[in-house]
């Protein structure tokens, strides 16, 4: 794992937050919240990033997993079954800034917000 995982995530699924908050998938409207709920991630340290429609009746759900400080991509099928899982440590995006976060590293919402600002070029 390492920079290769970040590259795979960005190459295959696009930059973080380039997806949507809601998609129409097989006639159903999926939202970040509904997908998080269906995966039983509510109440966890998972912070939603985006949803992406993929070919072959599949979609991807990206989120920041505060438990292990990784960006996660789950590829799911029409039944909501996980077909693939990809993970990359948040430090791959934040670089040295990650080591300066201190206690913030234990706050998943704050880390996701910092990551979003970094990607948007606001830092």
C-alpha atoms as a PDB file:
ATOM      1  CA  UNK A   1       0.000   0.000   0.000  1.00  0.00           C
ATOM      2  CA  UNK A   2       1.091   3.553  -0.494  1.00  0.00           C
ATOM      3  CA  UNK A   3       1.134   6.079  -3.263  1.00  0.00           C
ATOM      4  CA  UNK A   4       0.083   3.353  -5.744  1.00  0.00           C
ATOM      5  CA  UNK A   5      -3.263   3.064  -3.955  1.00  0.00           C
ATOM      6  CA  UNK A   6      -3.859   6.813  -4.172  1.00  0.00           C
ATOM      7  CA  UNK A   7      -2.988   6.772  -7.871  1.00  0.00           C
ATOM      8  CA  UNK A   8      -5.337   3.842  -8.493  1.00  0.00           C
ATOM      9  CA  UNK A   9      -8.189   5.611  -6.679  1.00  0.00           C
ATOM     10  CA  UNK A  10      -7.692   8.868  -8.569  1.00  0.00           C
ATOM     11  CA  UNK A  11      -7.064   7.256 -11.957  1.00  0.00           C
ATOM     12  CA  UNK A  12      -9.941   4.833 -11.850  1.00  0.00           C
ATOM     13  CA  UNK A  13     -12.514   6.923  -9.964  1.00  0.00           C
ATOM     14  CA  UNK A  14     -11.379  10.528 -10.504  1.00  0.00           C
ATOM     15  CA  UNK A  15     -10.320  13.161  -7.980  1.00  0.00           C
ATOM     16  CA  UNK A  16     -11.968  12.979  -4.578  1.00  0.00           C
ATOM     17  CA  UNK A  17     -15.266  14.883  -4.462  1.00  0.00           C
ATOM     18  CA  UNK A  18     -15.579  14.761  -8.261  1.00  0.00           C
ATOM     19  CA  UNK A  19     -18.550  12.408  -7.976  1.00  0.00           C
ATOM     20  CA  UNK A  20     -22.064  13.214  -6.832  1.00  0.00           C
ATOM     21  CA  UNK A  21     -24.018  13.312  -3.585  1.00  0.00           C
ATOM     22  CA  UNK A  22     -26.923  11.531  -5.297  1.00  0.00           C
ATOM     23  CA  UNK A  23     -27.150   9.174  -8.265  1.00  0.00           C
ATOM     24  CA  UNK A  24     -29.910   7.317 -10.072  1.00  0.00           C
ATOM     25  CA  UNK A  25     -28.915   3.676 -10.159  1.00  0.00           C
ATOM     26  CA  UNK A  26     -31.115   0.958 -11.704  1.00  0.00           C
ATOM     27  CA  UNK A  27     -34.176   3.166 -11.300  1.00  0.00           C
ATOM     28  CA  UNK A  28     -33.481   4.032  -7.663  1.00  0.00           C
ATOM     29  CA  UNK A  29     -32.153   7.246  -6.215  1.00  0.00           C
ATOM     30  CA  UNK A  30     -29.120   6.606  -4.040  1.00  0.00           C
ATOM     31  CA  UNK A  31     -27.776   9.284  -1.721  1.00  0.00           C
ATOM     32  CA  UNK A  32     -24.605   9.363   0.308  1.00  0.00           C
ATOM     33  CA  UNK A  33     -26.680   8.928   3.447  1.00  0.00           C
ATOM     34  CA  UNK A  34     -28.753   6.013   2.119  1.00  0.00           C
ATOM     35  CA  UNK A  35     -25.656   4.133   0.948  1.00  0.00           C
ATOM     36  CA  UNK A  36     -23.896   4.761   4.259  1.00  0.00           C
ATOM     37  CA  UNK A  37     -26.968   3.454   6.075  1.00  0.00           C
ATOM     38  CA  UNK A  38     -27.262   0.369   3.828  1.00  0.00           C
ATOM     39  CA  UNK A  39     -23.631  -0.501   4.575  1.00  0.00           C
ATOM     40  CA  UNK A  40     -24.288  -0.113   8.312  1.00  0.00           C
ATOM     41  CA  UNK A  41     -21.718   2.676   8.587  1.00  0.00           C
ATOM     42  CA  UNK A  42     -23.930   5.135  10.465  1.00  0.00           C
ATOM     43  CA  UNK A  43     -22.482   5.853  13.871  1.00  0.00           C
ATOM     44  CA  UNK A  44     -19.010   4.944  12.648  1.00  0.00           C
ATOM     45  CA  UNK A  45     -16.133   7.258  11.840  1.00  0.00           C
ATOM     46  CA  UNK A  46     -16.995   7.102   8.113  1.00  0.00           C
ATOM     47  CA  UNK A  47     -17.354  10.510   6.452  1.00  0.00           C
ATOM     48  CA  UNK A  48     -18.996  10.425   3.022  1.00  0.00           C
ATOM     49  CA  UNK A  49     -17.094  11.780   0.017  1.00  0.00           C
ATOM     50  CA  UNK A  50     -19.074  10.936  -3.113  1.00  0.00           C
ATOM     51  CA  UNK A  51     -20.912   8.433  -5.299  1.00  0.00           C
ATOM     52  CA  UNK A  52     -19.956   7.459  -8.846  1.00  0.00           C
ATOM     53  CA  UNK A  53     -21.911   5.609 -11.486  1.00  0.00           C
ATOM     54  CA  UNK A  54     -19.814   2.893 -13.124  1.00  0.00           C
ATOM     55  CA  UNK A  55     -20.381   0.678 -16.136  1.00  0.00           C
ATOM     56  CA  UNK A  56     -21.804  -2.791 -15.810  1.00  0.00           C
ATOM     57  CA  UNK A  57     -24.546  -2.007 -13.276  1.00  0.00           C
ATOM     58  CA  UNK A  58     -22.066  -1.019 -10.588  1.00  0.00           C
ATOM     59  CA  UNK A  59     -21.438   2.091  -8.552  1.00  0.00           C
ATOM     60  CA  UNK A  60     -18.736   3.343  -6.218  1.00  0.00           C
ATOM     61  CA  UNK A  61     -19.074   4.869  -2.772  1.00  0.00           C
ATOM     62  CA  UNK A  62     -16.091   6.840  -1.491  1.00  0.00           C
ATOM     63  CA  UNK A  63     -15.625   7.831   2.117  1.00  0.00           C
ATOM     64  CA  UNK A  64     -12.987   8.739   4.669  1.00  0.00           C
ATOM     65  CA  UNK A  65     -12.600   6.031   7.318  1.00  0.00           C
ATOM     66  CA  UNK A  66     -11.539   7.827  10.474  1.00  0.00           C
ATOM     67  CA  UNK A  67     -10.868   4.543  12.281  1.00  0.00           C
ATOM     68  CA  UNK A  68      -7.814   3.797  10.171  1.00  0.00           C
ATOM     69  CA  UNK A  69      -7.399   7.224   8.524  1.00  0.00           C
ATOM     70  CA  UNK A  70      -7.866   5.981   4.977  1.00  0.00           C
ATOM     71  CA  UNK A  71      -9.854   7.019   1.960  1.00  0.00           C
ATOM     72  CA  UNK A  72     -11.984   4.030   0.978  1.00  0.00           C
ATOM     73  CA  UNK A  73     -13.672   3.173  -2.313  1.00  0.00           C
ATOM     74  CA  UNK A  74     -16.278   0.430  -2.322  1.00  0.00           C
ATOM     75  CA  UNK A  75     -17.559  -0.824  -5.671  1.00  0.00           C
ATOM     76  CA  UNK A  76     -21.053  -2.269  -5.288  1.00  0.00           C
ATOM     77  CA  UNK A  77     -23.492  -4.152  -7.498  1.00  0.00           C
ATOM     78  CA  UNK A  78     -27.262  -3.842  -7.941  1.00  0.00           C
ATOM     79  CA  UNK A  79     -27.861  -5.796  -4.728  1.00  0.00           C
ATOM     80  CA  UNK A  80     -25.535  -3.550  -2.732  1.00  0.00           C
ATOM     81  CA  UNK A  81     -22.929  -6.286  -2.447  1.00  0.00           C
ATOM     82  CA  UNK A  82     -19.313  -5.151  -2.254  1.00  0.00           C
ATOM     83  CA  UNK A  83     -17.392  -6.288  -5.330  1.00  0.00           C
ATOM     84  CA  UNK A  84     -14.155  -4.379  -4.707  1.00  0.00           C
ATOM     85  CA  UNK A  85     -12.551  -2.374  -1.928  1.00  0.00           C
ATOM     86  CA  UNK A  86      -9.659   0.037  -2.334  1.00  0.00           C
ATOM     87  CA  UNK A  87      -7.941   1.991   0.464  1.00  0.00           C
ATOM     88  CA  UNK A  88      -5.235   4.639   0.633  1.00  0.00           C
ATOM     89  CA  UNK A  89      -3.924   6.447   3.694  1.00  0.00           C
ATOM     90  CA  UNK A  90      -4.958  10.097   3.977  1.00  0.00           C
ATOM     91  CA  UNK A  91      -1.271  11.053   4.302  1.00  0.00           C
ATOM     92  CA  UNK A  92      -0.883  10.222   0.601  1.00  0.00           C
ATOM     93  CA  UNK A  93      -2.998  13.334  -0.125  1.00  0.00           C
ATOM     94  CA  UNK A  94      -1.956  15.524   2.799  1.00  0.00           C
ATOM     95  CA  UNK A  95       1.774  14.809   2.768  1.00  0.00           C
ATOM     96  CA  UNK A  96       3.702  16.417   5.639  1.00  0.00           C
ATOM     97  CA  UNK A  97       0.557  18.272   6.667  1.00  0.00           C
ATOM     98  CA  UNK A  98      -0.783  14.957   7.991  1.00  0.00           C
ATOM     99  CA  UNK A  99       2.018  14.739  10.576  1.00  0.00           C
ATOM    100  CA  UNK A 100       1.210  18.259  11.762  1.00  0.00           C
ATOM    101  CA  UNK A 101      -2.474  17.560  12.462  1.00  0.00           C
ATOM    102  CA  UNK A 102      -1.917  16.383  16.049  1.00  0.00           C
ATOM    103  CA  UNK A 103      -5.166  15.576  17.833  1.00  0.00           C
ATOM    104  CA  UNK A 104      -7.152  16.560  14.737  1.00  0.00           C
ATOM    105  CA  UNK A 105      -6.171  13.170  13.311  1.00  0.00           C
ATOM    106  CA  UNK A 106      -8.648  11.622  15.759  1.00  0.00           C
ATOM    107  CA  UNK A 107     -11.562  13.753  14.496  1.00  0.00           C
ATOM    108  CA  UNK A 108     -12.811  12.195  11.240  1.00  0.00           C
ATOM    109  CA  UNK A 109     -14.988  15.174  10.263  1.00  0.00           C
ATOM    110  CA  UNK A 110     -12.092  17.605  10.751  1.00  0.00           C
ATOM    111  CA  UNK A 111      -9.718  15.378   8.770  1.00  0.00           C
ATOM    112  CA  UNK A 112     -12.205  15.003   5.918  1.00  0.00           C
ATOM    113  CA  UNK A 113     -12.679  18.791   5.873  1.00  0.00           C
ATOM    114  CA  UNK A 114      -8.900  19.314   5.812  1.00  0.00           C
ATOM    115  CA  UNK A 115      -8.562  16.787   2.993  1.00  0.00           C
ATOM    116  CA  UNK A 116     -11.302  18.509   1.004  1.00  0.00           C
ATOM    117  CA  UNK A 117      -9.617  21.913   1.420  1.00  0.00           C
ATOM    118  CA  UNK A 118      -6.271  20.463   0.352  1.00  0.00           C
ATOM    119  CA  UNK A 119      -7.780  18.914  -2.779  1.00  0.00           C
ATOM    120  CA  UNK A 120      -9.624  22.147  -3.593  1.00  0.00           C
ATOM    121  CA  UNK A 121      -6.299  24.023  -3.400  1.00  0.00           C
ATOM    122  CA  UNK A 122      -7.419  26.110  -0.445  1.00  0.00           C
ATOM    123  CA  UNK A 123      -4.367  25.178   1.643  1.00  0.00           C
END
